[in-house]
Amino acid sequence: MSHTKDDSFIFRSSSFLEIEEKLFELVNRRPAAIPVITGPTATGKSSLAFRLAHEINGEIINADAMQIYRGFDIGTAKPSHQQRQEVPHHLFDCRDACESYSVAMYVEEATSLLGDLSSQNRKPIVCGGSVQYVSALLDGLEFHGHRPDRALREIIKREIDERGVSESWKLIDTLDPEAASVIAPVDKRRIVRFFELYRQTGLTKTELNRRSRERGPQFDFIPIHLDWHPRTALYEQINARVLAMYNAGLLNETRNLMEAYPSYHDCPAFRGIGYKEAVMHLEGNLTETEARELTAQSTRRYAKRQQTWLRRRNDLFLFLFETS
């Protein structure tokens, strides 16, 4: 165990059981604090949170942007029905596929839920890999409601079409590398939103977040970052998970969801990794092998962005599972 200057620490082990025991020890030393378990996709966060819930009689609050959507189960690695019967789970299956959901909405709902559970002496455990959700919660971000401006948005969309989505992302990377690290270079919707806020306020997303952090968090958190080393081992785990999702029926699930939502092209949930590629296959634009490989590639890139974001923070307890 090695301490950093800000008193967070790194615990390395080749035994997941040993990591689990050390994490339980940390949580039990601070019984009034709320554990927040985050990290890249496919690291084992959900199973760790589930075992911790049994250890401390806890209840799990979702911090995954895709697991909020009803019916999107296989491609999001959502906790099983049996797990949700054994341990109370919150903020899962709470939106339909075509409903938009924002960081601000998440913080409002999660903060309210944390307050309710804590006031009833029930033990919340936040778990998920949507790093913007987690960071906003840990930092106590306040959202002051810069409302969408449709006219401005259309102007920005035209500018991005002329400049190119990739070049527009590069401009964000120049203006605000921290924001760029969690925006995929092909995510036109979020690139548009970045420039919309920038035009409205004259401030980058990171600067807006910095100003909104001034109040600080409302709760005492134990922020836990679970990760794997080396990264290639995590990539192998991701490849295996994608194959398992296809074997579990991801294509059938996606086909049924497409039938349930005829306007699926306009629905945020269908933009999620795994579902987007499955739709492309079902529409005849990719073979199944191509869709599976593209899903694994996109997931690996997403995991790398998650790691980049989380490693910039100096307040997380890092538990590193070393596979070699």
Foldseek 3Di string as FASTA:
>chain_A
DDADPVGFAEAEDQDVVVLLVVVLVVCVVPVQAAEEEEAAPLLCQVVSVLVSCVVNVAAEEEDAPQQLEPLQDLVVVDDDPVSCVVHPYPSGNNDYQADDDDLQNLLVVVVVVVVVCVVVVHHYYYYYHPVSNVVCQQLVFDDDDPDDDVVLLVVLLVVCVVCDLQVLLVVCCVQPVLVSLQAPSPNNVVSSVQVRVCVVPVDGPVVNRVVRSPVGHPGRYQAAYEEEPPLVVSLVSLLVSLVVSVVVPLLVSLVVSCVVPVVSVNGPSCVDQSNVLSVCVVVPNDPPVRSSVVSSVVSSSNSSSSVVNVVVDPRHRYYYNYND
